[in-house]
Amino acid sequence: MSSPPPAGNIFEENPYENHLSLSPVEAEVLWEYAKLAQNVKLVTLKTRKLMDEPDQMLVSRLRSLETKMGLVMVLFKASVWNVINEQPVDAMNASETSGDTTIRR
């Protein structure tokens, strides 16, 4: 196995380029694997950072949305209650004389 790449920037310089026991194709393949491994490490670090620290802007926007949804729910319930209360009493009594056997309280 070859030695690990140096701590320098893996994206700019191929650390395997002048290795005596590697062909140029093998050096290129190892470099691509090293760059891929570095990208995976960067994605892992960013994912951990996002998991550890919630996005404050997103949290505040979600709280605002939660408040608005609660208000919409209250207004919807009030509207339904208002529609039910506006129905004339005669419409409810008419269903009793039409043969409807539903028990009403």
N, C-alpha and C. Protein backbone atom coordinates (compact mmCIF):
# COMPACT_ATOMS: atom_id res chain seq x y z
N MET A 1 0.84 -1.18 0.00
CA MET A 1 0.00 0.00 0.00
C MET A 1 0.88 1.24 0.00
N SER A 2 0.36 2.28 -0.55
CA SER A 2 1.12 3.54 -0.59
C SER A 2 0.85 4.35 0.66
N SER A 3 1.69 5.31 0.90
CA SER A 3 1.55 6.15 2.08
C SER A 3 0.39 7.12 1.88
N PRO A 4 -0.21 7.58 2.98
CA PRO A 4 -1.34 8.52 2.85
C PRO A 4 -0.84 9.85 2.29
N PRO A 5 -1.76 10.58 1.66
CA PRO A 5 -1.36 11.87 1.09
C PRO A 5 -0.96 12.85 2.18
N PRO A 6 -0.10 13.80 1.85
CA PRO A 6 0.31 14.80 2.85
C PRO A 6 -0.87 15.67 3.25
N ALA A 7 -0.66 16.43 4.31
CA ALA A 7 -1.73 17.24 4.87
C ALA A 7 -2.06 18.46 4.03
N GLY A 8 -1.36 18.70 2.92
CA GLY A 8 -1.63 19.85 2.06
C GLY A 8 -2.99 19.73 1.37
N ASN A 9 -3.26 20.65 0.47
CA ASN A 9 -4.53 20.66 -0.24
C ASN A 9 -4.54 19.55 -1.29
N ILE A 10 -5.35 18.56 -1.07
CA ILE A 10 -5.41 17.39 -1.94
C ILE A 10 -6.03 17.73 -3.29
N PHE A 11 -6.80 18.82 -3.37
CA PHE A 11 -7.49 19.17 -4.60
C PHE A 11 -6.58 19.86 -5.62
N GLU A 12 -5.46 20.37 -5.18
CA GLU A 12 -4.57 21.12 -6.08
C GLU A 12 -3.38 20.31 -6.58
N GLU A 13 -2.87 19.42 -5.75
CA GLU A 13 -1.65 18.72 -6.12
C GLU A 13 -1.81 17.22 -5.89
N ASN A 14 -1.41 16.43 -6.87
CA ASN A 14 -1.48 14.98 -6.78
C ASN A 14 -0.29 14.47 -5.96
N PRO A 15 -0.52 13.97 -4.75
CA PRO A 15 0.59 13.50 -3.92
C PRO A 15 1.17 12.17 -4.42
N TYR A 16 0.46 11.49 -5.29
CA TYR A 16 0.91 10.20 -5.80
C TYR A 16 1.63 10.31 -7.15
N GLU A 17 1.77 11.52 -7.66
CA GLU A 17 2.28 11.72 -9.01
C GLU A 17 3.69 11.16 -9.22
N ASN A 18 4.59 11.36 -8.32
CA ASN A 18 5.99 10.95 -8.50
C ASN A 18 6.34 9.69 -7.70
N HIS A 19 5.33 8.91 -7.36
CA HIS A 19 5.58 7.69 -6.60
C HIS A 19 6.20 6.65 -7.53
N LEU A 20 7.30 6.04 -7.11
CA LEU A 20 8.08 5.14 -7.98
C LEU A 20 7.35 3.85 -8.33
N SER A 21 6.54 3.33 -7.43
CA SER A 21 5.90 2.03 -7.68
C SER A 21 4.52 2.15 -8.31
N LEU A 22 4.10 3.35 -8.70
CA LEU A 22 2.78 3.55 -9.30
C LEU A 22 2.90 4.02 -10.74
N SER A 23 2.04 3.46 -11.58
CA SER A 23 1.97 3.96 -12.95
C SER A 23 1.21 5.29 -12.94
N PRO A 24 1.28 6.06 -14.01
CA PRO A 24 0.54 7.33 -14.04
C PRO A 24 -0.97 7.15 -13.87
N VAL A 25 -1.52 6.08 -14.44
CA VAL A 25 -2.97 5.82 -14.31
C VAL A 25 -3.31 5.49 -12.85
N GLU A 26 -2.48 4.67 -12.23
CA GLU A 26 -2.72 4.33 -10.82
C GLU A 26 -2.61 5.56 -9.94
N ALA A 27 -1.66 6.42 -10.23
CA ALA A 27 -1.51 7.66 -9.45
C ALA A 27 -2.74 8.54 -9.60
N GLU A 28 -3.27 8.63 -10.82
CA GLU A 28 -4.48 9.43 -11.05
C GLU A 28 -5.68 8.84 -10.31
N VAL A 29 -5.81 7.51 -10.37
CA VAL A 29 -6.94 6.85 -9.69
C VAL A 29 -6.85 7.07 -8.19
N LEU A 30 -5.65 6.90 -7.62
CA LEU A 30 -5.49 7.14 -6.18
C LEU A 30 -5.77 8.58 -5.82
N TRP A 31 -5.41 9.51 -6.68
CA TRP A 31 -5.69 10.92 -6.42
C TRP A 31 -7.19 11.19 -6.42
N GLU A 32 -7.88 10.59 -7.39
CA GLU A 32 -9.34 10.77 -7.43
C GLU A 32 -10.00 10.19 -6.17
N TYR A 33 -9.53 9.02 -5.71
CA TYR A 33 -10.04 8.46 -4.47
C TYR A 33 -9.75 9.36 -3.28
N ALA A 34 -8.56 9.94 -3.24
CA ALA A 34 -8.20 10.84 -2.15
C ALA A 34 -9.09 12.08 -2.15
N LYS A 35 -9.37 12.62 -3.35
CA LYS A 35 -10.25 13.79 -3.43
C LYS A 35 -11.67 13.42 -3.02
N LEU A 36 -12.13 12.24 -3.44
CA LEU A 36 -13.46 11.78 -3.05
C LEU A 36 -13.55 11.61 -1.54
N ALA A 37 -12.52 11.01 -0.95
CA ALA A 37 -12.50 10.82 0.51
C ALA A 37 -12.53 12.17 1.24
N GLN A 38 -11.80 13.15 0.71
CA GLN A 38 -11.79 14.48 1.33
C GLN A 38 -13.18 15.13 1.23
N ASN A 39 -13.84 14.97 0.07
CA ASN A 39 -15.19 15.51 -0.09
C ASN A 39 -16.17 14.87 0.88
N VAL A 40 -16.04 13.56 1.07
CA VAL A 40 -16.92 12.86 2.02
C VAL A 40 -16.66 13.37 3.44
N LYS A 41 -15.39 13.60 3.78
CA LYS A 41 -15.07 14.14 5.11
C LYS A 41 -15.69 15.53 5.29
N LEU A 42 -15.60 16.36 4.26
CA LEU A 42 -16.17 17.72 4.35
C LEU A 42 -17.69 17.66 4.51
N VAL A 43 -18.35 16.79 3.76
CA VAL A 43 -19.81 16.65 3.87
C VAL A 43 -20.18 16.15 5.26
N THR A 44 -19.41 15.22 5.78
CA THR A 44 -19.67 14.70 7.13
C THR A 44 -19.53 15.81 8.17
N LEU A 45 -18.48 16.61 8.06
CA LEU A 45 -18.29 17.72 9.01
C LEU A 45 -19.44 18.72 8.94
N LYS A 46 -19.85 19.07 7.72
CA LYS A 46 -20.94 20.04 7.58
C LYS A 46 -22.26 19.46 8.08
N THR A 47 -22.48 18.18 7.87
CA THR A 47 -23.70 17.54 8.36
C THR A 47 -23.73 17.53 9.88
N ARG A 48 -22.60 17.20 10.48
CA ARG A 48 -22.53 17.21 11.95
C ARG A 48 -22.77 18.61 12.50
N LYS A 49 -22.21 19.60 11.83
CA LYS A 49 -22.40 20.98 12.27
C LYS A 49 -23.87 21.38 12.20
N LEU A 50 -24.54 20.99 11.13
CA LEU A 50 -25.96 21.31 11.00
C LEU A 50 -26.80 20.58 12.04
N MET A 51 -26.41 19.36 12.37
CA MET A 51 -27.15 18.60 13.37
C MET A 51 -26.94 19.15 14.76
N ASP A 52 -25.72 19.62 15.05
CA ASP A 52 -25.40 20.11 16.38
C ASP A 52 -25.99 21.50 16.64
N GLU A 53 -25.95 22.36 15.65
CA GLU A 53 -26.42 23.73 15.81
C GLU A 53 -27.60 23.97 14.88
N PRO A 54 -28.80 24.09 15.43
CA PRO A 54 -29.95 24.34 14.56
C PRO A 54 -29.83 25.72 13.90
N ASP A 55 -30.31 25.81 12.72
CA ASP A 55 -30.28 27.07 11.97
C ASP A 55 -31.26 28.04 12.64
N GLN A 56 -30.74 29.08 13.26
CA GLN A 56 -31.57 30.00 14.03
C GLN A 56 -32.60 30.71 13.16
N MET A 57 -32.23 31.04 11.93
CA MET A 57 -33.18 31.70 11.04
C MET A 57 -34.33 30.76 10.71
N LEU A 58 -34.02 29.49 10.44
CA LEU A 58 -35.06 28.52 10.14
C LEU A 58 -35.96 28.30 11.35
N VAL A 59 -35.37 28.22 12.53
CA VAL A 59 -36.15 28.02 13.75
C VAL A 59 -37.10 29.20 13.96
N SER A 60 -36.64 30.41 13.77
CA SER A 60 -37.52 31.57 13.98
C SER A 60 -38.63 31.61 12.93
N ARG A 61 -38.32 31.24 11.70
CA ARG A 61 -39.36 31.21 10.66
C ARG A 61 -40.39 30.12 10.94
N LEU A 62 -39.93 28.97 11.45
CA LEU A 62 -40.87 27.91 11.79
C LEU A 62 -41.75 28.31 12.97
N ARG A 63 -41.19 29.03 13.94
CA ARG A 63 -42.01 29.51 15.06
C ARG A 63 -43.07 30.48 14.59
N SER A 64 -42.70 31.36 13.66
CA SER A 64 -43.66 32.30 13.10
C SER A 64 -44.77 31.55 12.36
N LEU A 65 -44.40 30.54 11.61
CA LEU A 65 -45.37 29.74 10.88
C LEU A 65 -46.29 28.99 11.84
N GLU A 66 -45.73 28.48 12.92
CA GLU A 66 -46.53 27.78 13.92
C GLU A 66 -47.57 28.70 14.53
N THR A 67 -47.19 29.94 14.83
CA THR A 67 -48.12 30.92 15.38
C THR A 67 -49.23 31.22 14.39
N LYS A 68 -48.87 31.41 13.14
CA LYS A 68 -49.87 31.71 12.11
C LYS A 68 -50.82 30.54 11.92
N MET A 69 -50.31 29.31 11.95
CA MET A 69 -51.17 28.14 11.78
C MET A 69 -52.14 28.01 12.94
N GLY A 70 -51.68 28.34 14.15
CA GLY A 70 -52.59 28.32 15.29
C GLY A 70 -53.70 29.34 15.12
N LEU A 71 -53.37 30.52 14.62
CA LEU A 71 -54.37 31.56 14.39
C LEU A 71 -55.36 31.12 13.31
N VAL A 72 -54.86 30.50 12.25
CA VAL A 72 -55.74 30.02 11.18
C VAL A 72 -56.69 28.97 11.72
N MET A 73 -56.21 28.07 12.56
CA MET A 73 -57.06 27.04 13.14
C MET A 73 -58.16 27.65 14.00
N VAL A 74 -57.83 28.63 14.82
CA VAL A 74 -58.84 29.29 15.66
C VAL A 74 -59.88 29.99 14.79
N LEU A 75 -59.43 30.70 13.77
CA LEU A 75 -60.37 31.39 12.88
C LEU A 75 -61.25 30.40 12.13
N PHE A 76 -60.69 29.27 11.72
CA PHE A 76 -61.48 28.26 11.03
C PHE A 76 -62.56 27.69 11.95
N LYS A 77 -62.19 27.37 13.19
CA LYS A 77 -63.17 26.85 14.14
C LYS A 77 -64.27 27.87 14.40
N ALA A 78 -63.88 29.14 14.54
CA ALA A 78 -64.86 30.19 14.77
C ALA A 78 -65.80 30.32 13.57
N SER A 79 -65.28 30.20 12.37
CA SER A 79 -66.11 30.30 11.16
C SER A 79 -67.10 29.15 11.08
N VAL A 80 -66.63 27.95 11.37
CA VAL A 80 -67.52 26.79 11.35
C VAL A 80 -68.61 26.95 12.40
N TRP A 81 -68.22 27.39 13.59
CA TRP A 81 -69.19 27.60 14.67
C TRP A 81 -70.21 28.65 14.25
N ASN A 82 -69.75 29.71 13.60
CA ASN A 82 -70.64 30.77 13.15
C ASN A 82 -71.62 30.25 12.10
N VAL A 83 -71.16 29.44 11.17
CA VAL A 83 -72.05 28.87 10.13
C VAL A 83 -73.09 27.97 10.77
N ILE A 84 -72.68 27.17 11.75
CA ILE A 84 -73.62 26.27 12.43
C ILE A 84 -74.67 27.09 13.18
N ASN A 85 -74.24 28.15 13.85
CA ASN A 85 -75.19 28.96 14.62
C ASN A 85 -76.11 29.79 13.75
N GLU A 86 -75.72 30.11 12.53
CA GLU A 86 -76.55 30.91 11.64
C GLU A 86 -77.65 30.10 10.96
N GLN A 87 -77.60 28.79 11.04
CA GLN A 87 -78.64 27.98 10.41
C GLN A 87 -79.96 28.25 11.12
N PRO A 88 -81.00 28.41 10.34
CA PRO A 88 -82.30 28.68 10.97
C PRO A 88 -82.80 27.47 11.76
N VAL A 89 -83.54 27.75 12.79
CA VAL A 89 -84.08 26.70 13.65
C VAL A 89 -85.09 25.88 12.87
N ASP A 90 -85.82 26.49 11.92
CA ASP A 90 -86.82 25.77 11.13
C ASP A 90 -86.19 24.65 10.31
N ALA A 91 -84.98 24.83 9.84
CA ALA A 91 -84.32 23.80 9.05
C ALA A 91 -84.04 22.57 9.91
N MET A 92 -83.76 22.79 11.18
CA MET A 92 -83.52 21.65 12.06
C MET A 92 -84.83 20.95 12.39
N ASN A 93 -85.90 21.70 12.59
CA ASN A 93 -87.20 21.10 12.89
C ASN A 93 -87.78 20.41 11.67
N ALA A 94 -87.49 20.86 10.47
CA ALA A 94 -88.00 20.25 9.25
C ALA A 94 -87.46 18.84 9.09
N SER A 95 -86.28 18.61 9.51
CA SER A 95 -85.71 17.26 9.38
C SER A 95 -86.39 16.29 10.34
N GLU A 96 -86.92 16.78 11.43
CA GLU A 96 -87.62 15.91 12.38
C GLU A 96 -88.96 15.46 11.82
N THR A 97 -89.61 16.28 11.03
CA THR A 97 -90.92 15.91 10.48
C THR A 97 -90.80 15.18 9.15
N SER A 98 -89.63 15.06 8.60
CA SER A 98 -89.48 14.42 7.30
C SER A 98 -89.24 12.92 7.41
N GLY A 99 -89.37 12.33 8.58
CA GLY A 99 -89.15 10.91 8.73
C GLY A 99 -87.73 10.56 9.13
N ASP A 100 -86.94 11.54 9.43
CA ASP A 100 -85.57 11.29 9.86
C ASP A 100 -85.62 10.70 11.26
N THR A 101 -84.95 9.58 11.46
CA THR A 101 -84.99 8.91 12.76
C THR A 101 -83.72 9.17 13.58
N THR A 102 -82.94 10.16 13.19
CA THR A 102 -81.73 10.48 13.94
C THR A 102 -82.11 11.06 15.30
N ILE A 103 -81.47 10.56 16.34
CA ILE A 103 -81.75 11.05 17.69
C ILE A 103 -81.03 12.36 17.88
N ARG A 104 -81.78 13.40 18.26
CA ARG A 104 -81.19 14.72 18.46
C ARG A 104 -81.33 15.09 19.94
N ARG A 105 -80.37 15.78 20.45
CA ARG A 105 -80.41 16.21 21.85
C ARG A 105 -80.70 17.66 21.94
